[in-house]
């Protein structure tokens, strides 16, 4: 009977040890899950931060390109104004040259 009682307390000790081990295992699993959850949360945070930075850079790049296009447009408009003024001046010179030619032709015919 004593031997059975000793075995009973041994079984109880093993059960307690098994329960403690299971508790430790559960605690480790919770810690691992928490660690994974933290990693996932950090990854999501970094992904959002990266996307925000990408959008900012994209917006900045688009703004820079729009400004460059505006600047080029103004340069082209200025070149067109200059060319139109030059065309008007040359057209005036051609008209005067034609008039002078006509006048000279009349004077030549009158002199002959």
Protein backbone atom coordinates (compact mmCIF):
# COMPACT_ATOMS: atom_id res chain seq x y z
CA UNK A 1 0.00 0.00 0.00
CA UNK A 2 2.86 2.36 0.72
CA UNK A 3 4.30 1.67 -2.64
CA UNK A 4 0.99 2.62 -4.30
CA UNK A 5 0.87 5.83 -2.31
CA UNK A 6 4.41 6.68 -3.43
CA UNK A 7 3.50 6.02 -7.00
CA UNK A 8 0.42 8.17 -6.62
CA UNK A 9 2.46 11.13 -5.45
CA UNK A 10 4.90 10.43 -8.27
CA UNK A 11 2.01 10.58 -10.77
CA UNK A 12 0.82 13.78 -9.15
CA UNK A 13 4.35 15.24 -9.40
CA UNK A 14 4.56 14.25 -13.08
CA UNK A 15 1.12 15.74 -13.68
CA UNK A 16 2.16 18.99 -11.98
CA UNK A 17 5.39 19.05 -13.99
CA UNK A 18 3.46 18.31 -17.20
CA UNK A 19 1.01 21.13 -16.37
CA UNK A 20 3.91 23.53 -15.74
CA UNK A 21 5.53 22.50 -19.01
CA UNK A 22 2.27 22.98 -20.86
CA UNK A 23 1.89 26.41 -19.25
CA UNK A 24 5.45 27.34 -20.26
CA UNK A 25 4.81 26.07 -23.79
CA UNK A 26 1.60 28.09 -24.00
CA UNK A 27 3.46 31.17 -22.74
CA UNK A 28 6.17 30.66 -25.38
CA UNK A 29 3.54 30.23 -28.10
CA UNK A 30 1.82 33.44 -26.94
CA UNK A 31 5.16 35.27 -26.98
CA UNK A 32 5.93 33.92 -30.45
CA UNK A 33 2.47 34.91 -31.73
CA UNK A 34 2.84 38.34 -30.14
CA UNK A 35 6.27 38.66 -31.77
CA UNK A 36 4.79 37.71 -35.15
CA UNK A 37 1.91 40.13 -34.65
CA UNK A 38 4.40 42.89 -33.79
CA UNK A 39 6.49 42.07 -36.86
CA UNK A 40 3.41 42.09 -39.07
CA UNK A 41 2.26 45.39 -37.57
CA UNK A 42 5.74 46.90 -38.06
CA UNK A 43 5.83 45.62 -41.63
CA UNK A 44 2.42 47.15 -42.34
CA UNK A 45 3.49 50.42 -40.73
CA UNK A 46 6.67 50.52 -42.84
CA UNK A 47 4.72 49.62 -45.97
CA UNK A 48 2.31 52.50 -45.34
CA UNK A 49 5.18 54.85 -44.60
CA UNK A 50 6.96 53.80 -47.79
CA UNK A 51 3.78 54.26 -49.83
CA UNK A 52 3.25 57.70 -48.31
CA UNK A 53 6.83 58.67 -49.18
CA UNK A 54 6.40 57.28 -52.69
CA UNK A 55 3.22 59.33 -53.16
CA UNK A 56 5.00 62.43 -51.85
CA UNK A 57 7.89 61.87 -54.24
CA UNK A 58 5.52 61.19 -57.10
CA UNK A 59 3.62 64.39 -56.35
CA UNK A 60 6.86 66.32 -56.13
CA UNK A 61 8.08 64.81 -59.41
CA UNK A 62 4.80 65.63 -61.14
CA UNK A 63 4.92 69.19 -59.81
CA UNK A 64 8.49 69.56 -61.05
CA UNK A 65 7.54 68.25 -64.48
CA UNK A 66 4.50 70.50 -64.67
CA UNK A 67 6.67 73.49 -63.78
CA UNK A 68 9.20 72.46 -66.45
CA UNK A 69 6.43 72.21 -69.06
CA UNK A 70 5.10 75.65 -68.04
CA UNK A 71 8.60 77.11 -68.30
CA UNK A 72 9.12 75.59 -71.76
CA UNK A 73 5.71 76.87 -72.85
CA UNK A 74 6.63 80.41 -71.80
CA UNK A 75 9.94 80.16 -73.68
CA UNK A 76 8.12 78.95 -76.81
CA UNK A 77 5.53 81.72 -76.51
CA UNK A 78 8.34 84.29 -76.24
CA UNK A 79 10.06 82.77 -79.28
CA UNK A 80 6.78 82.94 -81.23
CA UNK A 81 6.33 86.61 -80.31
CA UNK A 82 9.86 87.33 -81.47
CA UNK A 83 9.31 85.44 -84.74
CA UNK A 84 5.97 87.21 -85.35
CA UNK A 85 7.61 90.59 -84.81
CA UNK A 86 10.43 89.60 -87.18
CA UNK A 87 7.87 88.40 -89.76
CA UNK A 88 6.00 91.72 -89.54
CA UNK A 89 9.25 93.63 -89.97
CA UNK A 90 10.29 91.52 -92.97
CA UNK A 91 6.81 91.80 -94.50
CA UNK A 92 7.04 95.58 -94.16
CA UNK A 93 10.49 95.54 -95.78
CA UNK A 94 9.16 93.42 -98.67
CA UNK A 95 6.21 95.81 -99.19
CA UNK A 96 8.55 98.81 -99.20
CA UNK A 97 10.90 96.99 -101.59
CA UNK A 98 8.01 96.20 -103.96
CA UNK A 99 6.81 99.81 -103.78
CA UNK A 100 10.35 101.09 -104.41
CA UNK A 101 10.70 98.67 -107.36
CA UNK A 102 7.37 99.87 -108.78
CA UNK A 103 8.40 103.53 -108.35
CA UNK A 104 11.79 102.86 -109.95
CA UNK A 105 10.15 101.01 -112.83
CA UNK A 106 7.79 103.97 -113.43
CA UNK A 107 10.69 106.44 -113.34
CA UNK A 108 12.68 104.28 -115.72
CA UNK A 109 9.75 104.02 -118.15
CA UNK A 110 9.18 107.76 -117.90
CA UNK A 111 12.84 108.43 -118.61
CA UNK A 112 12.86 106.23 -121.70
